Amino acid sequence: MTPPGSVEYQKTEKGYFEKRGLNKHAGVVSLWALGVGAVISGDFSGWNLGVGLAGFGGFLIALAVVTIMYLGLCFSIAEMSPALPHTGGAYSFGRTALGPWGGFVTGLAENMEYVITTAVVCYFAAAYLQNIFATPDSVQPLWWLGLYVVFVGLNVLGVAESFRFVVFITVVALLILVVFGISAIPHFAWSNLWNIPPDPGQSTFLPRGYMAIGAALPFAIWLYLAIEQLPLAAEESLDIQNDMPRGMMWGFATLVFTGLLVTFMNMGIGGGAAFFGSATEEPLLDGMRITMGVTSGSLLGAVAVAGLIASFHAIIYAYGRNIYSLSRAGYLPTWLSLTHKTRQTPYVALIGGAVIGYGVLMVLYFVGDGGAFGGVILNMAVFGAVIAYIMQMAAYLVLKSSFQHIERPYESPLGRSGAWIALVIAAVVLVMLFANPDFRPGVVGVLLWFLAGLAYFGFYARHRLIESPEEEFARNAGK
């Protein structure tokens, strides 16, 4: 009998890894686009709900805190990824530094983050499409299904095609944001930022008080969430030692700029924070209608949906590689890591993640509160994200102290301090996720999903691991 906490490895059949091959394609521009594209939907939808909860001043404070967290996180990941160049990414970091259980906890949390994030983005993209084509709420599930079919198919088509598309659509989305920002200048009024009526005893800067800042943190995270997926492209990167750190930090700088752009310009026009903070799920589309002088039109809506499409496509890539790496190592059923014979893409993992994501949407569609749907599912995604962040920063700290022999082509200028700050902020966000009763049922639901995953590993998967590249590296202590 295997002692509690230990693991067993099994032999693989002949050709096991040959059936799970990947192609190299990604350069620094592709990695930059993958990171920015995965996040950029946050500039188009979702983040604005945080302003409704905390007011513009409260959201600004939340955004500053979250930006500091991601600065430490991105620098730390930029150091770990070329040092541990495996598709497992976060799971690989956790596995090497914290053992099999640490690796699985990290990988499972990241898996939940990406699978649910695609569902969030799918939900907001469908909201835009419903607005464009004036379809009733009853056809929402058909929009979701169509989006999954099209973009999972594009990811299955091939890594080269997938990266070309993500570069194209990310550049398009960035141009849309810049055009919007410029067009909003004549309509901008400083007073619009502070037009949420304050609660008794509160100020126009913090109309809901200091405690509301915590409620806004998950929505501020939405302006950065998923940039940390870049290490999942490690085995498909042409020059990971040089390109991964540059792609990560260029992407982070781009997102700081776009986040500040939409935060001020979207809230500073029209009905201001009082309207855009809570009354719309398509803030950029509604904003463009004001700045472009257009009250309706499918073309304007199609332009506005580009950012959501960029993220949807990029995060499908992320959950596909996450499931692939965990499956290849035996943490998940090994058939999930099979790749296409000619296209070398993890098609089973891509389809499997889509089925789960669509299932999450359908469950919330039938049992959830329609008015809080977007906020509930967004908080569910952040739950997985912050657990993964805590584990990755813990792995970074262990790697710095106990694995000093590992070659590091790049080192974080913030070192341990940056990792500690990111870890503490992520832990605070994790606690705050349970504070808002409107979103708590979804967070509790995803917590149960997380516990079920741990039980699966404890009772079954830990006895059937495979010595994948991540496992071999960890078992040899990186030597």
Foldseek 3Di string as FASTA:
>chain_A
DDPFPFFAADDDDPCLVVLQFAAADDFLLLLLLLLLLQQLVLLFFQLLLLCVLWALLLLVVLLVLLLLLVLLLLLLLLFVLVLQLDLQRLLLLLCQQPNNLRSLLLLVLVLLLLLLSLLLLLQLLLVLVCQFVVDDPVCSLVSSVVLLVVLLVQLQQAPNSLSVVSSVLSVLSLVLLVVLLVLLVVFFDPVLRQPDQADPPDDSSGSDDNVSSLVSNLSSCSLRPPSSLSSSCSSRHPCSLPSVSSSSVVSSVSSVVSSVSSSRSLQRGDNHSNCSNAPDRRSSLVSCCVSVVNPGHNVSSVSSSSSSSSSSNSSLLRSLSSQLVCLSFQLDPVLQSRGDNPRSGSSSSSVVSSVVSSVVVVVCVVPNDVSCSSVQSSLSSLLSVLSSLLSSLVSSVSCVPPVVVRDGSHHRPCRNVSSVSSNVSSVSSNVSSCVDPNRNVSNVVSVVVSVVSSVCNSPPRSHYTHCDSSNVCSVVSND
